[in-house]
N, C-alpha and C. Protein backbone atom coordinates (compact mmCIF):
# COMPACT_ATOMS: atom_id res chain seq x y z
N MET A 1 -61.65 -8.38 10.10
CA MET A 1 -62.28 -7.14 10.50
C MET A 1 -61.22 -6.09 10.85
N LYS A 2 -60.12 -6.53 11.43
CA LYS A 2 -59.05 -5.60 11.79
C LYS A 2 -58.50 -4.89 10.54
N ASP A 3 -58.28 -5.65 9.47
CA ASP A 3 -57.77 -5.05 8.24
C ASP A 3 -58.76 -4.04 7.66
N GLN A 4 -60.03 -4.36 7.72
CA GLN A 4 -61.05 -3.45 7.19
C GLN A 4 -61.10 -2.18 8.03
N LEU A 5 -60.96 -2.31 9.34
CA LEU A 5 -60.92 -1.14 10.22
C LEU A 5 -59.73 -0.26 9.89
N LEU A 6 -58.58 -0.86 9.66
CA LEU A 6 -57.39 -0.08 9.31
C LEU A 6 -57.56 0.62 7.96
N ARG A 7 -58.13 -0.07 6.98
CA ARG A 7 -58.35 0.53 5.67
C ARG A 7 -59.33 1.70 5.76
N ALA A 8 -60.43 1.50 6.47
CA ALA A 8 -61.45 2.54 6.58
C ALA A 8 -60.91 3.75 7.34
N SER A 9 -60.19 3.52 8.43
CA SER A 9 -59.66 4.65 9.20
C SER A 9 -58.58 5.39 8.42
N SER A 10 -57.79 4.66 7.64
CA SER A 10 -56.80 5.32 6.78
C SER A 10 -57.50 6.15 5.73
N SER A 11 -58.59 5.65 5.19
CA SER A 11 -59.35 6.39 4.19
C SER A 11 -59.87 7.71 4.74
N VAL A 12 -60.28 7.72 5.99
CA VAL A 12 -60.75 8.96 6.62
C VAL A 12 -59.63 10.00 6.57
N ALA A 13 -58.49 9.65 7.09
CA ALA A 13 -57.37 10.60 7.16
C ALA A 13 -56.89 11.03 5.77
N LEU A 14 -56.78 10.08 4.87
CA LEU A 14 -56.27 10.39 3.53
C LEU A 14 -57.24 11.26 2.74
N ASN A 15 -58.53 11.02 2.85
CA ASN A 15 -59.50 11.84 2.14
C ASN A 15 -59.62 13.24 2.73
N LEU A 16 -59.46 13.36 4.04
CA LEU A 16 -59.44 14.70 4.64
C LEU A 16 -58.23 15.49 4.13
N ALA A 17 -57.08 14.83 4.08
CA ALA A 17 -55.87 15.50 3.59
C ALA A 17 -56.01 15.89 2.13
N GLU A 18 -56.52 14.98 1.31
CA GLU A 18 -56.65 15.28 -0.10
C GLU A 18 -57.70 16.38 -0.34
N GLY A 19 -58.80 16.32 0.39
CA GLY A 19 -59.81 17.36 0.26
C GLY A 19 -59.29 18.72 0.66
N ASN A 20 -58.48 18.75 1.69
CA ASN A 20 -57.91 20.02 2.16
C ASN A 20 -56.98 20.64 1.13
N ALA A 21 -56.41 19.82 0.26
CA ALA A 21 -55.48 20.31 -0.75
C ALA A 21 -56.20 20.82 -2.01
N ARG A 22 -57.50 20.60 -2.09
CA ARG A 22 -58.27 21.01 -3.28
C ARG A 22 -58.58 22.50 -3.24
N ARG A 23 -58.69 23.09 -4.41
CA ARG A 23 -58.90 24.53 -4.51
C ARG A 23 -60.36 24.95 -4.39
N THR A 24 -61.27 24.15 -4.94
CA THR A 24 -62.67 24.57 -4.93
C THR A 24 -63.43 23.87 -3.81
N ASN A 25 -64.47 24.56 -3.35
CA ASN A 25 -65.31 23.97 -2.30
C ASN A 25 -65.98 22.70 -2.78
N LYS A 26 -66.37 22.66 -4.05
CA LYS A 26 -67.01 21.46 -4.60
C LYS A 26 -66.06 20.27 -4.50
N ASP A 27 -64.81 20.46 -4.87
CA ASP A 27 -63.82 19.38 -4.77
C ASP A 27 -63.55 19.00 -3.32
N ARG A 28 -63.46 20.00 -2.45
CA ARG A 28 -63.24 19.72 -1.03
C ARG A 28 -64.36 18.84 -0.48
N LEU A 29 -65.60 19.25 -0.78
CA LEU A 29 -66.75 18.52 -0.27
C LEU A 29 -66.77 17.07 -0.74
N LYS A 30 -66.36 16.85 -1.97
CA LYS A 30 -66.33 15.48 -2.50
C LYS A 30 -65.48 14.59 -1.60
N PHE A 31 -64.27 15.04 -1.29
CA PHE A 31 -63.37 14.24 -0.47
C PHE A 31 -63.79 14.20 0.99
N PHE A 32 -64.31 15.31 1.51
CA PHE A 32 -64.77 15.32 2.89
C PHE A 32 -65.96 14.37 3.08
N ASN A 33 -66.83 14.28 2.07
CA ASN A 33 -67.96 13.35 2.15
C ASN A 33 -67.50 11.90 2.08
N ILE A 34 -66.48 11.63 1.29
CA ILE A 34 -65.90 10.28 1.26
C ILE A 34 -65.30 9.95 2.63
N ALA A 35 -64.63 10.92 3.24
CA ALA A 35 -64.06 10.72 4.58
C ALA A 35 -65.17 10.40 5.58
N LEU A 36 -66.28 11.12 5.49
CA LEU A 36 -67.39 10.88 6.40
C LEU A 36 -67.99 9.49 6.19
N ALA A 37 -68.11 9.07 4.94
CA ALA A 37 -68.62 7.72 4.66
C ALA A 37 -67.68 6.66 5.21
N SER A 38 -66.39 6.86 5.07
CA SER A 38 -65.41 5.92 5.62
C SER A 38 -65.49 5.89 7.14
N LEU A 39 -65.72 7.05 7.74
CA LEU A 39 -65.85 7.10 9.19
C LEU A 39 -67.09 6.33 9.65
N ARG A 40 -68.17 6.41 8.89
CA ARG A 40 -69.37 5.64 9.24
C ARG A 40 -69.05 4.14 9.21
N GLU A 41 -68.21 3.73 8.28
CA GLU A 41 -67.78 2.33 8.23
C GLU A 41 -66.98 1.98 9.49
N VAL A 42 -66.08 2.86 9.89
CA VAL A 42 -65.31 2.65 11.12
C VAL A 42 -66.25 2.52 12.32
N GLN A 43 -67.23 3.40 12.39
CA GLN A 43 -68.17 3.37 13.51
C GLN A 43 -68.93 2.04 13.55
N MET A 44 -69.36 1.56 12.41
CA MET A 44 -70.11 0.30 12.39
C MET A 44 -69.23 -0.88 12.79
N ILE A 45 -68.00 -0.90 12.31
CA ILE A 45 -67.08 -1.97 12.71
C ILE A 45 -66.87 -1.94 14.22
N CYS A 46 -66.71 -0.75 14.77
CA CYS A 46 -66.51 -0.62 16.22
C CYS A 46 -67.72 -1.14 16.99
N LYS A 47 -68.90 -0.85 16.48
CA LYS A 47 -70.11 -1.35 17.15
C LYS A 47 -70.23 -2.86 17.03
N LEU A 48 -69.94 -3.39 15.85
CA LEU A 48 -70.02 -4.84 15.66
C LEU A 48 -69.01 -5.59 16.52
N GLU A 49 -67.86 -4.99 16.71
CA GLU A 49 -66.79 -5.63 17.48
C GLU A 49 -66.76 -5.21 18.94
N ASP A 50 -67.74 -4.38 19.34
CA ASP A 50 -67.86 -3.91 20.73
C ASP A 50 -66.59 -3.18 21.20
N LEU A 51 -66.11 -2.28 20.37
CA LEU A 51 -64.92 -1.48 20.69
C LEU A 51 -65.37 -0.12 21.21
N ASN A 52 -65.87 -0.10 22.43
CA ASN A 52 -66.51 1.09 22.98
C ASN A 52 -65.62 2.32 23.04
N ARG A 53 -64.38 2.15 23.41
CA ARG A 53 -63.46 3.29 23.52
C ARG A 53 -63.25 3.95 22.16
N ILE A 54 -63.07 3.14 21.15
CA ILE A 54 -62.86 3.66 19.81
C ILE A 54 -64.15 4.25 19.25
N THR A 55 -65.28 3.65 19.59
CA THR A 55 -66.57 4.15 19.11
C THR A 55 -66.78 5.59 19.55
N GLY A 56 -66.46 5.88 20.79
CA GLY A 56 -66.61 7.25 21.31
C GLY A 56 -65.72 8.24 20.57
N LYS A 57 -64.50 7.85 20.31
CA LYS A 57 -63.58 8.72 19.56
C LYS A 57 -64.07 8.91 18.13
N ALA A 58 -64.54 7.83 17.52
CA ALA A 58 -65.05 7.91 16.15
C ALA A 58 -66.26 8.84 16.08
N ASP A 59 -67.11 8.80 17.09
CA ASP A 59 -68.27 9.69 17.13
C ASP A 59 -67.82 11.16 17.21
N GLN A 60 -66.78 11.42 17.99
CA GLN A 60 -66.25 12.79 18.08
C GLN A 60 -65.69 13.25 16.74
N VAL A 61 -64.95 12.39 16.08
CA VAL A 61 -64.39 12.72 14.76
C VAL A 61 -65.53 12.95 13.77
N GLY A 62 -66.57 12.13 13.85
CA GLY A 62 -67.72 12.30 12.96
C GLY A 62 -68.35 13.67 13.11
N GLY A 63 -68.47 14.13 14.34
CA GLY A 63 -69.00 15.48 14.58
C GLY A 63 -68.12 16.56 13.97
N MET A 64 -66.82 16.36 14.07
CA MET A 64 -65.89 17.33 13.50
C MET A 64 -65.96 17.37 11.98
N ILE A 65 -66.04 16.18 11.37
CA ILE A 65 -66.13 16.12 9.91
C ILE A 65 -67.46 16.70 9.44
N TYR A 66 -68.52 16.42 10.17
CA TYR A 66 -69.83 16.99 9.82
C TYR A 66 -69.78 18.51 9.88
N ALA A 67 -69.18 19.06 10.93
CA ALA A 67 -69.05 20.52 11.06
C ALA A 67 -68.19 21.08 9.93
N LEU A 68 -67.13 20.37 9.57
CA LEU A 68 -66.28 20.80 8.46
C LEU A 68 -67.09 20.84 7.17
N ASN A 69 -67.87 19.80 6.90
CA ASN A 69 -68.71 19.78 5.71
C ASN A 69 -69.70 20.94 5.70
N ARG A 70 -70.32 21.21 6.84
CA ARG A 70 -71.27 22.33 6.94
C ARG A 70 -70.58 23.64 6.66
N SER A 71 -69.39 23.83 7.20
CA SER A 71 -68.65 25.07 7.01
C SER A 71 -68.32 25.29 5.54
N VAL A 72 -67.85 24.24 4.88
CA VAL A 72 -67.49 24.35 3.46
C VAL A 72 -68.76 24.60 2.63
N THR A 73 -69.83 23.91 2.96
CA THR A 73 -71.10 24.10 2.24
C THR A 73 -71.61 25.53 2.42
N ASP A 74 -71.59 26.02 3.64
CA ASP A 74 -72.03 27.40 3.91
C ASP A 74 -71.18 28.41 3.15
N SER A 75 -69.89 28.16 3.13
CA SER A 75 -68.97 29.05 2.41
C SER A 75 -69.27 29.03 0.91
N ALA A 76 -69.55 27.86 0.37
CA ALA A 76 -69.87 27.74 -1.05
C ALA A 76 -71.17 28.46 -1.38
N ASN A 77 -72.14 28.39 -0.47
CA ASN A 77 -73.44 29.03 -0.70
C ASN A 77 -73.37 30.55 -0.61
N ARG A 78 -72.38 31.09 0.12
CA ARG A 78 -72.23 32.53 0.23
C ARG A 78 -71.63 33.13 -1.04
N ASN A 79 -70.88 32.33 -1.78
CA ASN A 79 -70.21 32.85 -2.98
C ASN A 79 -71.08 32.80 -4.19
C-alpha cells in the first residue's frame, strides 16, 4: 500500500506540472483531471490505512485542484 500511495501522490504532482506546461485549456484540463483522479486514489488509501493527518491534507489539495479545474474550464468557456 505504501508503494501505491507514493505512486499516486507522485502522479498528482507530475500531472499538475505537465498540465501547467500545456498551451491549451483543453490539454491543461486533461492533465489536471488525471491529477484529481490520482488524488482521489491517495485519499482512499489514506482512509483505508487510517492516515488521518494525511487525509486532511489530501482533502485540502483536492479542493485546490478542483478550483484550478473550475478556473481553467471557466476560462475556456469565455473564449
